[in-house]
Amino acid sequence: MLKSKTRQTSWRLANPAKYSAHLAVQQAVATGKLEKQACEVCGREKVDAHHDRYDQPLEVRWLCRRHHMKLHHYGEDMFPVGGGSRES
């Protein structure tokens, strides 16, 4: 159980499915079950895992931080699944 009272802890407690999916990705990358890919939009190597569905924790899209933040800010239709345009 999480013991500290930080913003991150509050988020984890409020979003258990999301937190569980994040942990599953971390573990899968660490064990080699899941391999990071380049950003599907621009090809950058430093990426975040993005979940379209948290009930499928190892089904992720690899996006650089810039495009990951744009996706969350502007919506899923900005970079449709499998339809990444090659912008930079």
PDB file of N, CA and C in Angstrom:
ATOM      1  N   MET A   1       0.838  -1.191   0.000  1.00  0.00           N
ATOM      2  CA  MET A   1       0.000   0.000   0.000  1.00  0.00           C
ATOM      3  C   MET A   1       0.873   1.241   0.000  1.00  0.00           C
ATOM      4  N   LEU A   2       0.451   2.259  -0.738  1.00  0.00           N
ATOM      5  CA  LEU A   2       1.188   3.510  -0.807  1.00  0.00           C
ATOM      6  C   LEU A   2       1.000   4.286   0.492  1.00  0.00           C
ATOM      7  N   LYS A   3       2.093   4.830   1.015  1.00  0.00           N
ATOM      8  CA  LYS A   3       2.025   5.462   2.322  1.00  0.00           C
ATOM      9  C   LYS A   3       2.168   6.976   2.307  1.00  0.00           C
ATOM     10  N   SER A   4       2.804   7.545   1.295  1.00  0.00           N
ATOM     11  CA  SER A   4       3.018   8.989   1.282  1.00  0.00           C
ATOM     12  C   SER A   4       1.797   9.708   0.713  1.00  0.00           C
ATOM     13  N   LYS A   5       1.702  11.008   0.971  1.00  0.00           N
ATOM     14  CA  LYS A   5       0.582  11.817   0.491  1.00  0.00           C
ATOM     15  C   LYS A   5       1.084  12.817  -0.543  1.00  0.00           C
ATOM     16  N   THR A   6       1.479  12.333  -1.677  1.00  0.00           N
ATOM     17  CA  THR A   6       1.924  13.213  -2.752  1.00  0.00           C
ATOM     18  C   THR A   6       0.858  13.245  -3.839  1.00  0.00           C
ATOM     19  N   ARG A   7       1.016  14.166  -4.771  1.00  0.00           N
ATOM     20  CA  ARG A   7       0.094  14.236  -5.899  1.00  0.00           C
ATOM     21  C   ARG A   7       0.127  12.925  -6.686  1.00  0.00           C
ATOM     22  N   GLN A   8       1.337  12.362  -6.835  1.00  0.00           N
ATOM     23  CA  GLN A   8       1.490  11.098  -7.552  1.00  0.00           C
ATOM     24  C   GLN A   8       0.765   9.963  -6.816  1.00  0.00           C
ATOM     25  N   THR A   9       0.899   9.918  -5.520  1.00  0.00           N
ATOM     26  CA  THR A   9       0.218   8.888  -4.732  1.00  0.00           C
ATOM     27  C   THR A   9      -1.296   9.029  -4.850  1.00  0.00           C
ATOM     28  N   SER A  10      -1.771  10.260  -4.790  1.00  0.00           N
ATOM     29  CA  SER A  10      -3.209  10.497  -4.924  1.00  0.00           C
ATOM     30  C   SER A  10      -3.707  10.014  -6.282  1.00  0.00           C
ATOM     31  N   TRP A  11      -2.927  10.296  -7.350  1.00  0.00           N
ATOM     32  CA  TRP A  11      -3.306   9.852  -8.687  1.00  0.00           C
ATOM     33  C   TRP A  11      -3.353   8.331  -8.751  1.00  0.00           C
ATOM     34  N   ARG A  12      -2.347   7.678  -8.186  1.00  0.00           N
ATOM     35  CA  ARG A  12      -2.298   6.211  -8.203  1.00  0.00           C
ATOM     36  C   ARG A  12      -3.500   5.607  -7.492  1.00  0.00           C
ATOM     37  N   LEU A  13      -3.871   6.176  -6.370  1.00  0.00           N
ATOM     38  CA  LEU A  13      -5.021   5.665  -5.617  1.00  0.00           C
ATOM     39  C   LEU A  13      -6.337   5.917  -6.355  1.00  0.00           C
ATOM     40  N   ALA A  14      -6.421   7.031  -7.074  1.00  0.00           N
ATOM     41  CA  ALA A  14      -7.643   7.373  -7.800  1.00  0.00           C
ATOM     42  C   ALA A  14      -7.758   6.639  -9.146  1.00  0.00           C
ATOM     43  N   ASN A  15      -6.633   6.111  -9.642  1.00  0.00           N
ATOM     44  CA  ASN A  15      -6.611   5.482 -10.970  1.00  0.00           C
ATOM     45  C   ASN A  15      -5.918   4.122 -10.933  1.00  0.00           C
ATOM     46  N   PRO A  16      -6.458   3.162 -10.191  1.00  0.00           N
ATOM     47  CA  PRO A  16      -5.759   1.883 -10.034  1.00  0.00           C
ATOM     48  C   PRO A  16      -5.546   1.113 -11.336  1.00  0.00           C
ATOM     49  N   ALA A  17      -6.489   1.171 -12.265  1.00  0.00           N
ATOM     50  CA  ALA A  17      -6.331   0.448 -13.538  1.00  0.00           C
ATOM     51  C   ALA A  17      -5.206   1.058 -14.364  1.00  0.00           C
ATOM     52  N   LYS A  18      -5.138   2.379 -14.391  1.00  0.00           N
ATOM     53  CA  LYS A  18      -4.076   3.054 -15.132  1.00  0.00           C
ATOM     54  C   LYS A  18      -2.717   2.763 -14.505  1.00  0.00           C
ATOM     55  N   TYR A  19      -2.658   2.853 -13.189  1.00  0.00           N
ATOM     56  CA  TYR A  19      -1.398   2.589 -12.494  1.00  0.00           C
ATOM     57  C   TYR A  19      -0.945   1.152 -12.725  1.00  0.00           C
ATOM     58  N   SER A  20      -1.859   0.217 -12.681  1.00  0.00           N
ATOM     59  CA  SER A  20      -1.539  -1.188 -12.922  1.00  0.00           C
ATOM     60  C   SER A  20      -1.000  -1.385 -14.342  1.00  0.00           C
ATOM     61  N   ALA A  21      -1.612  -0.716 -15.310  1.00  0.00           N
ATOM     62  CA  ALA A  21      -1.148  -0.810 -16.698  1.00  0.00           C
ATOM     63  C   ALA A  21       0.248  -0.228 -16.843  1.00  0.00           C
ATOM     64  N   HIS A  22       0.519   0.885 -16.175  1.00  0.00           N
ATOM     65  CA  HIS A  22       1.854   1.487 -16.225  1.00  0.00           C
ATOM     66  C   HIS A  22       2.896   0.538 -15.647  1.00  0.00           C
ATOM     67  N   LEU A  23       2.563  -0.089 -14.520  1.00  0.00           N
ATOM     68  CA  LEU A  23       3.487  -1.046 -13.908  1.00  0.00           C
ATOM     69  C   LEU A  23       3.723  -2.252 -14.808  1.00  0.00           C
ATOM     70  N   ALA A  24       2.679  -2.718 -15.477  1.00  0.00           N
ATOM     71  CA  ALA A  24       2.812  -3.865 -16.384  1.00  0.00           C
ATOM     72  C   ALA A  24       3.771  -3.540 -17.522  1.00  0.00           C
ATOM     73  N   VAL A  25       3.672  -2.319 -18.070  1.00  0.00           N
ATOM     74  CA  VAL A  25       4.580  -1.913 -19.148  1.00  0.00           C
ATOM     75  C   VAL A  25       6.009  -1.827 -18.631  1.00  0.00           C
ATOM     76  N   GLN A  26       6.206  -1.220 -17.462  1.00  0.00           N
ATOM     77  CA  GLN A  26       7.554  -1.118 -16.887  1.00  0.00           C
ATOM     78  C   GLN A  26       8.177  -2.498 -16.725  1.00  0.00           C
ATOM     79  N   GLN A  27       7.413  -3.436 -16.187  1.00  0.00           N
ATOM     80  CA  GLN A  27       7.925  -4.781 -15.960  1.00  0.00           C
ATOM     81  C   GLN A  27       8.202  -5.490 -17.284  1.00  0.00           C
ATOM     82  N   ALA A  28       7.316  -5.340 -18.247  1.00  0.00           N
ATOM     83  CA  ALA A  28       7.498  -6.001 -19.547  1.00  0.00           C
ATOM     84  C   ALA A  28       8.726  -5.457 -20.278  1.00  0.00           C
ATOM     85  N   VAL A  29       8.967  -4.154 -20.189  1.00  0.00           N
ATOM     86  CA  VAL A  29      10.159  -3.571 -20.810  1.00  0.00           C
ATOM     87  C   VAL A  29      11.406  -4.071 -20.094  1.00  0.00           C
ATOM     88  N   ALA A  30      11.364  -4.108 -18.769  1.00  0.00           N
ATOM     89  CA  ALA A  30      12.524  -4.546 -17.984  1.00  0.00           C
ATOM     90  C   ALA A  30      12.890  -6.005 -18.246  1.00  0.00           C
ATOM     91  N   THR A  31      11.894  -6.842 -18.490  1.00  0.00           N
ATOM     92  CA  THR A  31      12.154  -8.271 -18.709  1.00  0.00           C
ATOM     93  C   THR A  31      12.336  -8.619 -20.177  1.00  0.00           C
ATOM     94  N   GLY A  32      12.145  -7.645 -21.060  1.00  0.00           N
ATOM     95  CA  GLY A  32      12.312  -7.893 -22.488  1.00  0.00           C
ATOM     96  C   GLY A  32      11.073  -8.427 -23.184  1.00  0.00           C
ATOM     97  N   LYS A  33       9.970  -8.529 -22.464  1.00  0.00           N
ATOM     98  CA  LYS A  33       8.720  -9.004 -23.068  1.00  0.00           C
ATOM     99  C   LYS A  33       8.139  -7.956 -24.030  1.00  0.00           C
ATOM    100  N   LEU A  34       8.437  -6.694 -23.755  1.00  0.00           N
ATOM    101  CA  LEU A  34       7.964  -5.583 -24.574  1.00  0.00           C
ATOM    102  C   LEU A  34       9.174  -4.722 -24.904  1.00  0.00           C
ATOM    103  N   GLU A  35       9.297  -4.342 -26.158  1.00  0.00           N
ATOM    104  CA  GLU A  35      10.437  -3.540 -26.594  1.00  0.00           C
ATOM    105  C   GLU A  35       9.969  -2.153 -27.007  1.00  0.00           C
ATOM    106  N   LYS A  36      10.647  -1.129 -26.486  1.00  0.00           N
ATOM    107  CA  LYS A  36      10.313   0.236 -26.877  1.00  0.00           C
ATOM    108  C   LYS A  36      10.576   0.411 -28.363  1.00  0.00           C
ATOM    109  N   GLN A  37       9.696   1.178 -28.995  1.00  0.00           N
ATOM    110  CA  GLN A  37       9.832   1.518 -30.406  1.00  0.00           C
ATOM    111  C   GLN A  37      10.035   3.031 -30.510  1.00  0.00           C
ATOM    112  N   ALA A  38      10.391   3.496 -31.666  1.00  0.00           N
ATOM    113  CA  ALA A  38      10.514   4.935 -31.902  1.00  0.00           C
ATOM    114  C   ALA A  38       9.122   5.566 -31.894  1.00  0.00           C
ATOM    115  N   CYS A  39       9.062   6.866 -31.676  1.00  0.00           N
ATOM    116  CA  CYS A  39       7.786   7.594 -31.709  1.00  0.00           C
ATOM    117  C   CYS A  39       7.099   7.323 -33.041  1.00  0.00           C
ATOM    118  N   GLU A  40       5.840   6.942 -32.978  1.00  0.00           N
ATOM    119  CA  GLU A  40       5.111   6.608 -34.205  1.00  0.00           C
ATOM    120  C   GLU A  40       4.816   7.840 -35.065  1.00  0.00           C
ATOM    121  N   VAL A  41       5.001   9.037 -34.530  1.00  0.00           N
ATOM    122  CA  VAL A  41       4.732  10.252 -35.288  1.00  0.00           C
ATOM    123  C   VAL A  41       6.007  10.820 -35.905  1.00  0.00           C
ATOM    124  N   CYS A  42       7.066  10.969 -35.087  1.00  0.00           N
ATOM    125  CA  CYS A  42       8.262  11.659 -35.569  1.00  0.00           C
ATOM    126  C   CYS A  42       9.518  10.793 -35.606  1.00  0.00           C
ATOM    127  N   GLY A  43       9.475   9.618 -34.995  1.00  0.00           N
ATOM    128  CA  GLY A  43      10.625   8.726 -35.028  1.00  0.00           C
ATOM    129  C   GLY A  43      11.646   8.932 -33.924  1.00  0.00           C
ATOM    130  N   ARG A  44      11.392   9.848 -32.994  1.00  0.00           N
ATOM    131  CA  ARG A  44      12.340  10.044 -31.890  1.00  0.00           C
ATOM    132  C   ARG A  44      12.465   8.756 -31.092  1.00  0.00           C
ATOM    133  N   GLU A  45      13.651   8.557 -30.540  1.00  0.00           N
ATOM    134  CA  GLU A  45      13.934   7.328 -29.791  1.00  0.00           C
ATOM    135  C   GLU A  45      13.485   7.392 -28.331  1.00  0.00           C
ATOM    136  N   LYS A  46      13.503   8.568 -27.719  1.00  0.00           N
ATOM    137  CA  LYS A  46      13.093   8.698 -26.318  1.00  0.00           C
ATOM    138  C   LYS A  46      11.573   8.802 -26.280  1.00  0.00           C
ATOM    139  N   VAL A  47      10.911   7.766 -25.763  1.00  0.00           N
ATOM    140  CA  VAL A  47       9.455   7.658 -25.884  1.00  0.00           C
ATOM    141  C   VAL A  47       8.765   7.299 -24.572  1.00  0.00           C
ATOM    142  N   ASP A  48       7.467   7.555 -24.563  1.00  0.00           N
ATOM    143  CA  ASP A  48       6.556   7.137 -23.495  1.00  0.00           C
ATOM    144  C   ASP A  48       5.623   6.086 -24.084  1.00  0.00           C
ATOM    145  N   ALA A  49       5.118   5.224 -23.239  1.00  0.00           N
ATOM    146  CA  ALA A  49       4.086   4.279 -23.663  1.00  0.00           C
ATOM    147  C   ALA A  49       2.727   4.941 -23.457  1.00  0.00           C
ATOM    148  N   HIS A  50       1.889   4.921 -24.478  1.00  0.00           N
ATOM    149  CA  HIS A  50       0.537   5.466 -24.371  1.00  0.00           C
ATOM    150  C   HIS A  50      -0.459   4.331 -24.508  1.00  0.00           C
ATOM    151  N   HIS A  51      -1.397   4.265 -23.572  1.00  0.00           N
ATOM    152  CA  HIS A  51      -2.460   3.255 -23.614  1.00  0.00           C
ATOM    153  C   HIS A  51      -3.715   3.846 -24.229  1.00  0.00           C
ATOM    154  N   ASP A  52      -4.224   3.218 -25.269  1.00  0.00           N
ATOM    155  CA  ASP A  52      -5.542   3.585 -25.770  1.00  0.00           C
ATOM    156  C   ASP A  52      -6.611   2.909 -24.918  1.00  0.00           C
ATOM    157  N   ARG A  53      -6.284   1.717 -24.386  1.00  0.00           N
ATOM    158  CA  ARG A  53      -7.194   0.965 -23.509  1.00  0.00           C
ATOM    159  C   ARG A  53      -6.383   0.397 -22.349  1.00  0.00           C
ATOM    160  N   TYR A  54      -6.776   0.751 -21.150  1.00  0.00           N
ATOM    161  CA  TYR A  54      -6.044   0.281 -19.968  1.00  0.00           C
ATOM    162  C   TYR A  54      -6.341  -1.163 -19.625  1.00  0.00           C
ATOM    163  N   ASP A  55      -7.413  -1.731 -20.191  1.00  0.00           N
ATOM    164  CA  ASP A  55      -7.715  -3.138 -19.939  1.00  0.00           C
ATOM    165  C   ASP A  55      -6.854  -4.050 -20.807  1.00  0.00           C
ATOM    166  N   GLN A  56      -6.035  -3.469 -21.664  1.00  0.00           N
ATOM    167  CA  GLN A  56      -5.051  -4.207 -22.470  1.00  0.00           C
ATOM    168  C   GLN A  56      -3.687  -3.571 -22.185  1.00  0.00           C
ATOM    169  N   PRO A  57      -3.117  -3.858 -21.019  1.00  0.00           N
ATOM    170  CA  PRO A  57      -1.951  -3.114 -20.540  1.00  0.00           C
ATOM    171  C   PRO A  57      -0.694  -3.199 -21.396  1.00  0.00           C
ATOM    172  N   LEU A  58      -0.529  -4.240 -22.181  1.00  0.00           N
ATOM    173  CA  LEU A  58       0.673  -4.328 -23.003  1.00  0.00           C
ATOM    174  C   LEU A  58       0.448  -3.892 -24.447  1.00  0.00           C
ATOM    175  N   GLU A  59      -0.750  -3.418 -24.743  1.00  0.00           N
ATOM    176  CA  GLU A  59      -1.051  -2.843 -26.056  1.00  0.00           C
ATOM    177  C   GLU A  59      -0.828  -1.340 -25.940  1.00  0.00           C
ATOM    178  N   VAL A  60       0.352  -0.883 -26.355  1.00  0.00           N
ATOM    179  CA  VAL A  60       0.699   0.521 -26.196  1.00  0.00           C
ATOM    180  C   VAL A  60       1.135   1.122 -27.524  1.00  0.00           C
ATOM    181  N   ARG A  61       1.078   2.429 -27.574  1.00  0.00           N
ATOM    182  CA  ARG A  61       1.606   3.205 -28.685  1.00  0.00           C
ATOM    183  C   ARG A  61       2.811   3.945 -28.140  1.00  0.00           C
ATOM    184  N   TRP A  62       3.887   3.974 -28.879  1.00  0.00           N
ATOM    185  CA  TRP A  62       5.102   4.643 -28.437  1.00  0.00           C
ATOM    186  C   TRP A  62       5.123   6.043 -29.034  1.00  0.00           C
ATOM    187  N   LEU A  63       5.156   7.028 -28.137  1.00  0.00           N
ATOM    188  CA  LEU A  63       5.144   8.430 -28.545  1.00  0.00           C
ATOM    189  C   LEU A  63       6.206   9.190 -27.759  1.00  0.00           C
ATOM    190  N   CYS A  64       6.895  10.118 -28.428  1.00  0.00           N
ATOM    191  CA  CYS A  64       7.822  10.984 -27.703  1.00  0.00           C
ATOM    192  C   CYS A  64       6.983  11.846 -26.756  1.00  0.00           C
ATOM    193  N   ARG A  65       7.618  12.467 -25.804  1.00  0.00           N
ATOM    194  CA  ARG A  65       6.879  13.266 -24.814  1.00  0.00           C
ATOM    195  C   ARG A  65       6.049  14.361 -25.491  1.00  0.00           C
ATOM    196  N   ARG A  66       6.617  15.022 -26.500  1.00  0.00           N
ATOM    197  CA  ARG A  66       5.904  16.099 -27.199  1.00  0.00           C
ATOM    198  C   ARG A  66       4.595  15.589 -27.802  1.00  0.00           C
ATOM    199  N   HIS A  67       4.665  14.494 -28.516  1.00  0.00           N
ATOM    200  CA  HIS A  67       3.465  13.985 -29.169  1.00  0.00           C
ATOM    201  C   HIS A  67       2.519  13.311 -28.180  1.00  0.00           C
ATOM    202  N   HIS A  68       3.047  12.749 -27.114  1.00  0.00           N
ATOM    203  CA  HIS A  68       2.192  12.164 -26.080  1.00  0.00           C
ATOM    204  C   HIS A  68       1.361  13.269 -25.413  1.00  0.00           C
ATOM    205  N   MET A  69       2.008  14.382 -25.087  1.00  0.00           N
ATOM    206  CA  MET A  69       1.287  15.491 -24.463  1.00  0.00           C
ATOM    207  C   MET A  69       0.265  16.090 -25.439  1.00  0.00           C
ATOM    208  N   LYS A  70       0.634  16.227 -26.713  1.00  0.00           N
ATOM    209  CA  LYS A  70      -0.316  16.745 -27.711  1.00  0.00           C
ATOM    210  C   LYS A  70      -1.525  15.823 -27.824  1.00  0.00           C
ATOM    211  N   LEU A  71      -1.291  14.525 -27.814  1.00  0.00           N
ATOM    212  CA  LEU A  71      -2.389  13.569 -27.916  1.00  0.00           C
ATOM    213  C   LEU A  71      -3.360  13.743 -26.751  1.00  0.00           C
ATOM    214  N   HIS A  72      -2.829  13.867 -25.533  1.00  0.00           N
ATOM    215  CA  HIS A  72      -3.705  14.033 -24.370  1.00  0.00           C
ATOM    216  C   HIS A  72      -4.396  15.394 -24.372  1.00  0.00           C
ATOM    217  N   HIS A  73      -3.717  16.406 -24.860  1.00  0.00           N
ATOM    218  CA  HIS A  73      -4.295  17.754 -24.862  1.00  0.00           C
ATOM    219  C   HIS A  73      -5.356  17.933 -25.946  1.00  0.00           C
ATOM    220  N   TYR A  74      -5.067  17.438 -27.149  1.00  0.00           N
ATOM    221  CA  TYR A  74      -5.960  17.682 -28.280  1.00  0.00           C
ATOM    222  C   TYR A  74      -6.896  16.527 -28.605  1.00  0.00           C
ATOM    223  N   GLY A  75      -6.625  15.345 -28.062  1.00  0.00           N
ATOM    224  CA  GLY A  75      -7.532  14.224 -28.256  1.00  0.00           C
ATOM    225  C   GLY A  75      -6.977  13.107 -29.107  1.00  0.00           C
ATOM    226  N   GLU A  76      -7.603  11.958 -28.963  1.00  0.00           N
ATOM    227  CA  GLU A  76      -7.167  10.735 -29.632  1.00  0.00           C
ATOM    228  C   GLU A  76      -7.191  10.844 -31.150  1.00  0.00           C
ATOM    229  N   ASP A  77      -8.071  11.687 -31.697  1.00  0.00           N
ATOM    230  CA  ASP A  77      -8.163  11.770 -33.148  1.00  0.00           C
ATOM    231  C   ASP A  77      -6.991  12.523 -33.776  1.00  0.00           C
ATOM    232  N   MET A  78      -6.160  13.147 -32.951  1.00  0.00           N
ATOM    233  CA  MET A  78      -5.003  13.860 -33.493  1.00  0.00           C
ATOM    234  C   MET A  78      -4.013  12.900 -34.150  1.00  0.00           C
ATOM    235  N   PHE A  79      -3.767  11.763 -33.508  1.00  0.00           N
ATOM    236  CA  PHE A  79      -2.880  10.728 -34.035  1.00  0.00           C
ATOM    237  C   PHE A  79      -3.662   9.420 -33.987  1.00  0.00           C
ATOM    238  N   PRO A  80      -4.492   9.138 -34.978  1.00  0.00           N
ATOM    239  CA  PRO A  80      -5.309   7.924 -34.957  1.00  0.00           C
ATOM    240  C   PRO A  80      -4.444   6.669 -34.840  1.00  0.00           C
ATOM    241  N   VAL A  81      -4.981   5.647 -34.233  1.00  0.00           N
ATOM    242  CA  VAL A  81      -4.270   4.385 -34.083  1.00  0.00           C
ATOM    243  C   VAL A  81      -3.821   3.905 -35.454  1.00  0.00           C
ATOM    244  N   GLY A  82      -2.521   3.635 -35.570  1.00  0.00           N
ATOM    245  CA  GLY A  82      -1.966   3.156 -36.819  1.00  0.00           C
ATOM    246  C   GLY A  82      -1.878   4.178 -37.922  1.00  0.00           C
ATOM    247  N   GLY A  83      -2.187   5.426 -37.614  1.00  0.00           N
ATOM    248  CA  GLY A  83      -2.198   6.440 -38.673  1.00  0.00           C
ATOM    249  C   GLY A  83      -1.285   7.602 -38.399  1.00  0.00           C
ATOM    250  N   GLY A  84      -0.148   7.341 -37.769  1.00  0.00           N
ATOM    251  CA  GLY A  84       0.768   8.432 -37.443  1.00  0.00           C
ATOM    252  C   GLY A  84       1.319   9.099 -38.676  1.00  0.00           C
ATOM    253  N   SER A  85       1.150  10.402 -38.750  1.00  0.00           N
ATOM    254  CA  SER A  85       1.785  11.161 -39.836  1.00  0.00           C
ATOM    255  C   SER A  85       3.205  11.460 -39.403  1.00  0.00           C
ATOM    256  N   ARG A  86       4.109  11.615 -40.317  1.00  0.00           N
ATOM    257  CA  ARG A  86       5.509  11.828 -40.005  1.00  0.00           C
ATOM    258  C   ARG A  86       5.818  13.313 -39.903  1.00  0.00           C
ATOM    259  N   GLU A  87       5.315  13.977 -38.857  1.00  0.00           N
ATOM    260  CA  GLU A  87       5.648  15.383 -38.635  1.00  0.00           C
ATOM    261  C   GLU A  87       6.742  15.458 -37.603  1.00  0.00           C
ATOM    262  N   SER A  88       7.378  16.588 -37.474  1.00  0.00           N
ATOM    263  CA  SER A  88       8.413  16.743 -36.432  1.00  0.00           C
ATOM    264  C   SER A  88       8.158  17.906 -35.535  1.00  0.00           C
TER     265      SER A  88
END
